[in-house]
Amino acid sequence: MYPHADLIHYAAALPYDAIPPDVLAEARRMVLDTIGCIIAARATDCAPAIEAAAGFLSPGIAADSYLYARLADLMDFNEGYGGAHFGCGAVAVALALASTRRISGQDFMAAVVSGFETGARVMDAIGPYLAVIDGKKQFSRVWGIATPVVYAAVAAATRLMNLQGTTAVEAFSLAGANSPIPAGAKWSQAVALPNTKYCDAGWATLTGVMGALFAETGSTGLTDLLDDENGLLTMIGAANPSPAALSADLGQQWRLRAVIYKRWPCCGLLDDAMTLTHELLLRHDLDADSIAGVSVRADPSILVQRFANPKPRTQVSLQFSMPHNLAMLMARIPPGPMWQSAALAAEPRIARLRQIVSIEAHRPSAADPEGACSVEIRTAEGRSFGKRAVKREAPRANDADIIAKFRSLVAAPHADEIIRRIMAIDGAGALESLLAALRQAKSGGSHAGQS
């Protein structure tokens, strides 16, 4: 008996009516946020290369799945859970299949929920990629978080394609066995990071949807891949696995209730320093030209080259450079594609702001526990402003928050159309209008709520 067949059958047949209203509401927000990231990413430096790569695939499900997921994940502005980003896989596949197959808005949303929940359970089963090694917290020697994207994609595809029984099991098996290798530790050593975040989310999503398509045609795979012994979790080097998380409390625990949304297009591990700096800039109305220095004390685990890099060159290097992202805050650049513009990053005023940022390791003490972060800003006039905080949970987002972020990324009138259609996605005709607006929408917006 396949050990985790219950997860697969649950994901493949999740009824729309079985999803709690608050979970559906969160899924709508996540879809809106993801689509905003897709549209905004079209204005980034990397977009032409991604569109060219998608062009090598025949127009249709494969090309759209790759393109939408890759763009959604490109700016590091998309949703997160457990330190990973896999909702893009579920949303991209749902959008791609909706463009080629006749599906309802309710099925679309059920597939997105199924995909997210499956990806989250796989992420929980893999466990955290930060571990205590040689007495200190650091990134594991082997880690990779592409696999949850693959499973989010195959679950969404299996649900929308109505694959059942052994066909659903084969879909998951084919997708899982072809997941990308766990290249995260090697990726993190690069100074000029490649134009992907530790994995190509488009390729991972393509792997998932192709698993479902191949299973539909009769292909078969390793149906015991999720087995606890010598299975997937062992293959991808999970340092702290929790295999029971794959199937425990199905239909009772909903991971979407714990989704977080980004305020800035950069790695979430920078969030504490970003939040403190943002609050200091607003409270004291500090102008970038008046700032002479910024000192950050942060968790030692993130003091690696990609986070401390004062001269990032690639788009993804810009996302992970704390000096660069603090410079964007100080310069009051609205969060979006411009944060990762090579031309803007090269401007002397931005380069100066990066150079005045210094980063040190926070040293825990009885009065200053592990996980604390502090920021001090000094001005040319000799004034100093500081703030510290122990690790804080990201605030919960509501409809107004996500709509404001979306409007900051997407130009009207298509922004208005997409918002209306997603908020009424289970109504007649909403999905078709959504897809049409997505194809035509452009990056832009008022940047409301993002200062």
Foldseek 3Di string as FASTA:
>chain_A
DQPQVVLLQCLLAPALVLDDPVLLQLLLLQLLLLLLQLQQLCPFPCNVVQLVVLVVDDPAQLSQLLSSLQSSPQLQQHKDDLQDDQLSLQSSNLLRCVVPDPDFLSLSSSLSQSLVQQLNLVSQQLPHQWDQDPRATAGHQFAASLQSNLSSLLSSLSNRVSPHDVLSLQLNQQLLVPGDARCQNVQLQDLQGDSHRSDRSSVSSSSNNVSNVVSVVPDGGDSNQLPPPPHSSVRNPRPDGDSVSNHPPPSHDRSSVQMDGGLARARPQCVQVLVFLLVVCVVVVDALVFWQAKEKAFAPRLPHNLQCPLQHQALNSLRRHVLLVSLCSNNVPQHTNVSRHNVVCPDPSSSNSSVRYDYHYDDADPVRHHQKMKMWIATPVGDIDMDMDHDDRHDDDHPVRSLLVSQAWWPPDLSVLLSVLSVVRNDPPSSVSNSVSSVVIHTHHDSPPSD
